[in-house]
Amino acid sequence: MDNSQRTGQYNQRFESRINQTPEEKVEELRKRIKNYFGQTYVKSILNLDEGNYIFIIDKTSDFVQKELKGVTSSQLRNLFNHVKNNEDNTIGLFKLKPLLAYAVGREKKGKMDMFAMLTEDLLSGINNENKKNFVEFFEAIVAYHKRFHGGD
């Protein structure tokens, strides 16, 4: 395959993403999340146990390395500070949703979209029994981001 063929394929993929409806974009993002964490990713992440812990941690590492390249550590730290300040308050954790919406709205290149969707999906499954796993998962994301992408 020569360069002009590769360029043509890239342009087709790029144009198809630009012309996506919001529903198609959501569907594509969820599909990509499932490729990392599995079909039942909300349940798998929020109900961590010895059987799936290593799998989820390994997939979190891959996810952060490949999907959060353009996200700054400041963006993640601001969100994580909210999570840590509300780790004992389930209602307070739900207030993360508007903060995510703000972060996605400010970031014009779509780098936060998949992370925001993953986080919102996890928030929809959170309860008093599994919120500790949510906090630990978020902490792992921040740690891997620091490892792979350093500071701002």
C-alpha atoms as a PDB file:
ATOM      1  CA  MET A   1       0.000   0.000   0.000  1.00  0.00           C
ATOM      2  CA  ASP A   2       1.454   3.340  -1.003  1.00  0.00           C
ATOM      3  CA  ASN A   3       1.157   6.655   0.845  1.00  0.00           C
ATOM      4  CA  SER A   4      -1.752   7.944  -1.255  1.00  0.00           C
ATOM      5  CA  GLN A   5      -3.816   4.844  -0.412  1.00  0.00           C
ATOM      6  CA  ARG A   6      -3.018   5.218   3.293  1.00  0.00           C
ATOM      7  CA  THR A   7      -3.924   8.907   3.163  1.00  0.00           C
ATOM      8  CA  GLY A   8      -7.207   8.059   1.436  1.00  0.00           C
ATOM      9  CA  GLN A   9      -8.084   5.475   4.107  1.00  0.00           C
ATOM     10  CA  TYR A  10      -7.225   7.936   6.877  1.00  0.00           C
ATOM     11  CA  ASN A  11      -9.376  10.641   5.273  1.00  0.00           C
ATOM     12  CA  GLN A  12     -12.331   8.240   4.995  1.00  0.00           C
ATOM     13  CA  ARG A  13     -12.079   7.311   8.702  1.00  0.00           C
ATOM     14  CA  PHE A  14     -11.666  10.963   9.691  1.00  0.00           C
ATOM     15  CA  GLU A  15     -14.639  12.110   7.592  1.00  0.00           C
ATOM     16  CA  SER A  16     -16.840   9.328   8.940  1.00  0.00           C
ATOM     17  CA  ARG A  17     -16.070  10.491  12.487  1.00  0.00           C
ATOM     18  CA  ILE A  18     -16.833  14.118  11.643  1.00  0.00           C
ATOM     19  CA  ASN A  19     -20.176  13.171  10.105  1.00  0.00           C
ATOM     20  CA  GLN A  20     -21.240  10.969  13.026  1.00  0.00           C
ATOM     21  CA  THR A  21     -24.477  11.694  14.790  1.00  0.00           C
ATOM     22  CA  PRO A  22     -24.217  12.093  18.570  1.00  0.00           C
ATOM     23  CA  GLU A  23     -25.762   8.629  18.964  1.00  0.00           C
ATOM     24  CA  GLU A  24     -23.171   7.094  16.648  1.00  0.00           C
ATOM     25  CA  LYS A  25     -20.373   8.817  18.553  1.00  0.00           C
ATOM     26  CA  VAL A  26     -21.687   7.465  21.864  1.00  0.00           C
ATOM     27  CA  GLU A  27     -21.983   3.989  20.368  1.00  0.00           C
ATOM     28  CA  GLU A  28     -18.417   4.124  19.047  1.00  0.00           C
ATOM     29  CA  LEU A  29     -17.015   5.346  22.376  1.00  0.00           C
ATOM     30  CA  ARG A  30     -18.829   2.607  24.321  1.00  0.00           C
ATOM     31  CA  LYS A  31     -17.570   0.006  21.873  1.00  0.00           C
ATOM     32  CA  ARG A  32     -14.007   1.205  22.408  1.00  0.00           C
ATOM     33  CA  ILE A  33     -14.443   1.151  26.198  1.00  0.00           C
ATOM     34  CA  LYS A  34     -15.777  -2.418  25.969  1.00  0.00           C
ATOM     35  CA  ASN A  35     -12.727  -3.376  23.905  1.00  0.00           C
ATOM     36  CA  TYR A  36     -10.594  -2.458  26.902  1.00  0.00           C
ATOM     37  CA  PHE A  37     -12.657  -3.595  29.862  1.00  0.00           C
ATOM     38  CA  GLY A  38     -15.162  -6.114  28.472  1.00  0.00           C
ATOM     39  CA  GLN A  39     -18.894  -6.098  27.774  1.00  0.00           C
ATOM     40  CA  THR A  40     -19.856  -5.713  31.436  1.00  0.00           C
ATOM     41  CA  TYR A  41     -17.228  -3.098  32.255  1.00  0.00           C
ATOM     42  CA  VAL A  42     -19.301  -1.207  34.835  1.00  0.00           C
ATOM     43  CA  LYS A  43     -19.911  -4.356  36.857  1.00  0.00           C
ATOM     44  CA  SER A  44     -16.330  -5.582  36.406  1.00  0.00           C
ATOM     45  CA  ILE A  45     -14.763  -2.324  37.574  1.00  0.00           C
ATOM     46  CA  LEU A  46     -17.147  -1.571  40.436  1.00  0.00           C
ATOM     47  CA  ASN A  47     -17.155  -5.137  41.769  1.00  0.00           C
ATOM     48  CA  LEU A  48     -13.436  -5.761  41.837  1.00  0.00           C
ATOM     49  CA  ASP A  49     -12.342  -9.026  43.376  1.00  0.00           C
ATOM     50  CA  GLU A  50      -9.295 -11.277  43.225  1.00  0.00           C
ATOM     51  CA  GLY A  51     -10.598 -12.867  40.044  1.00  0.00           C
ATOM     52  CA  ASN A  52     -10.652  -9.724  37.914  1.00  0.00           C
ATOM     53  CA  TYR A  53      -8.374  -7.274  39.735  1.00  0.00           C
ATOM     54  CA  ILE A  54      -5.248  -7.935  37.643  1.00  0.00           C
ATOM     55  CA  PHE A  55      -7.276  -7.868  34.407  1.00  0.00           C
ATOM     56  CA  ILE A  56      -8.859  -4.488  35.254  1.00  0.00           C
ATOM     57  CA  ILE A  57      -5.561  -2.955  36.381  1.00  0.00           C
ATOM     58  CA  ASP A  58      -3.793  -4.136  33.197  1.00  0.00           C
ATOM     59  CA  LYS A  59      -6.599  -2.805  31.015  1.00  0.00           C
ATOM     60  CA  THR A  60      -6.595   0.484  32.933  1.00  0.00           C
ATOM     61  CA  SER A  61      -2.910   0.854  32.148  1.00  0.00           C
ATOM     62  CA  ASP A  62      -3.559   0.211  28.435  1.00  0.00           C
ATOM     63  CA  PHE A  63      -6.547   2.565  28.410  1.00  0.00           C
ATOM     64  CA  VAL A  64      -4.654   5.448  29.992  1.00  0.00           C
ATOM     65  CA  GLN A  65      -1.577   4.955  27.837  1.00  0.00           C
ATOM     66  CA  LYS A  66      -3.522   4.938  24.567  1.00  0.00           C
ATOM     67  CA  GLU A  67      -6.650   7.003  25.181  1.00  0.00           C
ATOM     68  CA  LEU A  68      -5.659   9.778  27.592  1.00  0.00           C
ATOM     69  CA  LYS A  69      -2.675  11.215  25.701  1.00  0.00           C
ATOM     70  CA  GLY A  70      -4.167  14.674  25.268  1.00  0.00           C
ATOM     71  CA  VAL A  71      -5.671  14.953  28.750  1.00  0.00           C
ATOM     72  CA  THR A  72      -3.605  17.062  31.128  1.00  0.00           C
ATOM     73  CA  SER A  73      -2.670  15.947  34.589  1.00  0.00           C
ATOM     74  CA  SER A  74      -4.300  19.137  35.919  1.00  0.00           C
ATOM     75  CA  GLN A  75      -7.639  18.108  34.410  1.00  0.00           C
ATOM     76  CA  LEU A  76      -7.417  14.672  35.992  1.00  0.00           C
ATOM     77  CA  ARG A  77      -6.180  15.997  39.340  1.00  0.00           C
ATOM     78  CA  ASN A  78      -9.067  18.482  39.560  1.00  0.00           C
ATOM     79  CA  LEU A  79     -11.553  15.672  39.002  1.00  0.00           C
ATOM     80  CA  PHE A  80      -9.689  13.326  41.335  1.00  0.00           C
ATOM     81  CA  ASN A  81      -9.646  15.945  44.102  1.00  0.00           C
ATOM     82  CA  HIS A  82     -13.432  16.071  43.870  1.00  0.00           C
ATOM     83  CA  VAL A  83     -13.589  12.273  44.067  1.00  0.00           C
ATOM     84  CA  LYS A  84     -11.277  12.134  47.106  1.00  0.00           C
ATOM     85  CA  ASN A  85     -13.171  14.916  48.884  1.00  0.00           C
ATOM     86  CA  ASN A  86     -16.423  13.012  48.398  1.00  0.00           C
ATOM     87  CA  GLU A  87     -15.309   9.387  48.689  1.00  0.00           C
ATOM     88  CA  ASP A  88     -17.575   8.855  51.710  1.00  0.00           C
ATOM     89  CA  ASN A  89     -20.479  10.744  50.162  1.00  0.00           C
ATOM     90  CA  THR A  90     -22.264   8.978  47.308  1.00  0.00           C
ATOM     91  CA  ILE A  91     -24.317  12.071  46.424  1.00  0.00           C
ATOM     92  CA  GLY A  92     -21.110  14.116  46.356  1.00  0.00           C
ATOM     93  CA  LEU A  93     -19.597  11.635  43.896  1.00  0.00           C
ATOM     94  CA  PHE A  94     -22.581  12.122  41.584  1.00  0.00           C
ATOM     95  CA  LYS A  95     -21.708  15.819  41.462  1.00  0.00           C
ATOM     96  CA  LEU A  96     -18.708  14.745  39.398  1.00  0.00           C
ATOM     97  CA  LYS A  97     -21.008  14.540  36.351  1.00  0.00           C
ATOM     98  CA  PRO A  98     -21.319  18.315  35.850  1.00  0.00           C
ATOM     99  CA  LEU A  99     -17.574  18.690  36.370  1.00  0.00           C
ATOM    100  CA  LEU A 100     -17.011  16.128  33.620  1.00  0.00           C
ATOM    101  CA  ALA A 101     -19.442  17.956  31.355  1.00  0.00           C
ATOM    102  CA  TYR A 102     -17.500  21.170  31.942  1.00  0.00           C
ATOM    103  CA  ALA A 103     -14.154  19.469  31.222  1.00  0.00           C
ATOM    104  CA  VAL A 104     -15.503  17.924  28.003  1.00  0.00           C
ATOM    105  CA  GLY A 105     -16.983  21.272  26.945  1.00  0.00           C
ATOM    106  CA  ARG A 106     -13.692  23.099  27.465  1.00  0.00           C
ATOM    107  CA  GLU A 107     -11.636  20.484  25.648  1.00  0.00           C
ATOM    108  CA  LYS A 108     -12.354  20.936  21.937  1.00  0.00           C
ATOM    109  CA  LYS A 109     -10.372  18.000  20.545  1.00  0.00           C
ATOM    110  CA  GLY A 110     -12.460  15.254  22.151  1.00  0.00           C
ATOM    111  CA  LYS A 111      -9.625  13.897  24.287  1.00  0.00           C
ATOM    112  CA  MET A 112     -11.841  13.766  27.403  1.00  0.00           C
ATOM    113  CA  ASP A 113     -14.889  12.209  25.722  1.00  0.00           C
ATOM    114  CA  MET A 114     -14.132   8.531  26.310  1.00  0.00           C
ATOM    115  CA  PHE A 115     -12.866   9.105  29.845  1.00  0.00           C
ATOM    116  CA  ALA A 116     -15.966  11.145  30.679  1.00  0.00           C
ATOM    117  CA  MET A 117     -18.266   8.470  29.270  1.00  0.00           C
ATOM    118  CA  LEU A 118     -16.485   5.723  31.197  1.00  0.00           C
ATOM    119  CA  THR A 119     -16.668   7.753  34.406  1.00  0.00           C
ATOM    120  CA  GLU A 120     -20.348   8.620  33.925  1.00  0.00           C
ATOM    121  CA  ASP A 121     -21.194   4.982  33.225  1.00  0.00           C
ATOM    122  CA  LEU A 122     -19.402   3.963  36.410  1.00  0.00           C
ATOM    123  CA  LEU A 123     -21.216   6.656  38.384  1.00  0.00           C
ATOM    124  CA  SER A 124     -24.521   5.232  37.166  1.00  0.00           C
ATOM    125  CA  GLY A 125     -23.648   1.918  38.833  1.00  0.00           C
ATOM    126  CA  ILE A 126     -22.195   3.271  42.047  1.00  0.00           C
ATOM    127  CA  ASN A 127     -23.637   2.504  45.482  1.00  0.00           C
ATOM    128  CA  ASN A 128     -22.462   2.481  49.092  1.00  0.00           C
ATOM    129  CA  GLU A 129     -20.927  -0.983  48.714  1.00  0.00           C
ATOM    130  CA  ASN A 130     -18.801  -0.325  45.619  1.00  0.00           C
ATOM    131  CA  LYS A 131     -17.896   3.357  45.802  1.00  0.00           C
ATOM    132  CA  LYS A 132     -14.514   2.453  47.309  1.00  0.00           C
ATOM    133  CA  ASN A 133     -13.704   0.523  44.113  1.00  0.00           C
ATOM    134  CA  PHE A 134     -14.693   3.557  42.041  1.00  0.00           C
ATOM    135  CA  VAL A 135     -12.318   5.765  44.041  1.00  0.00           C
ATOM    136  CA  GLU A 136      -9.494   3.226  43.695  1.00  0.00           C
ATOM    137  CA  PHE A 137     -10.104   2.899  39.946  1.00  0.00           C
ATOM    138  CA  PHE A 138      -9.971   6.683  39.557  1.00  0.00           C
ATOM    139  CA  GLU A 139      -6.777   6.751  41.596  1.00  0.00           C
ATOM    140  CA  ALA A 140      -5.247   4.136  39.266  1.00  0.00           C
ATOM    141  CA  ILE A 141      -6.122   6.276  36.253  1.00  0.00           C
ATOM    142  CA  VAL A 142      -4.345   9.280  37.767  1.00  0.00           C
ATOM    143  CA  ALA A 143      -1.317   7.154  38.676  1.00  0.00           C
ATOM    144  CA  TYR A 144      -0.995   5.598  35.219  1.00  0.00           C
ATOM    145  CA  HIS A 145      -1.477   8.971  33.594  1.00  0.00           C
ATOM    146  CA  LYS A 146       1.432  10.333  35.619  1.00  0.00           C
ATOM    147  CA  ARG A 147       3.526   7.332  34.603  1.00  0.00           C
ATOM    148  CA  PHE A 148       2.799   7.451  30.887  1.00  0.00           C
ATOM    149  CA  HIS A 149       2.143  11.113  30.226  1.00  0.00           C
ATOM    150  CA  GLY A 150       3.986  12.915  33.025  1.00  0.00           C
ATOM    151  CA  GLY A 151       2.959  16.405  33.995  1.00  0.00           C
ATOM    152  CA  ASP A 152       1.015  18.949  31.992  1.00  0.00           C
END
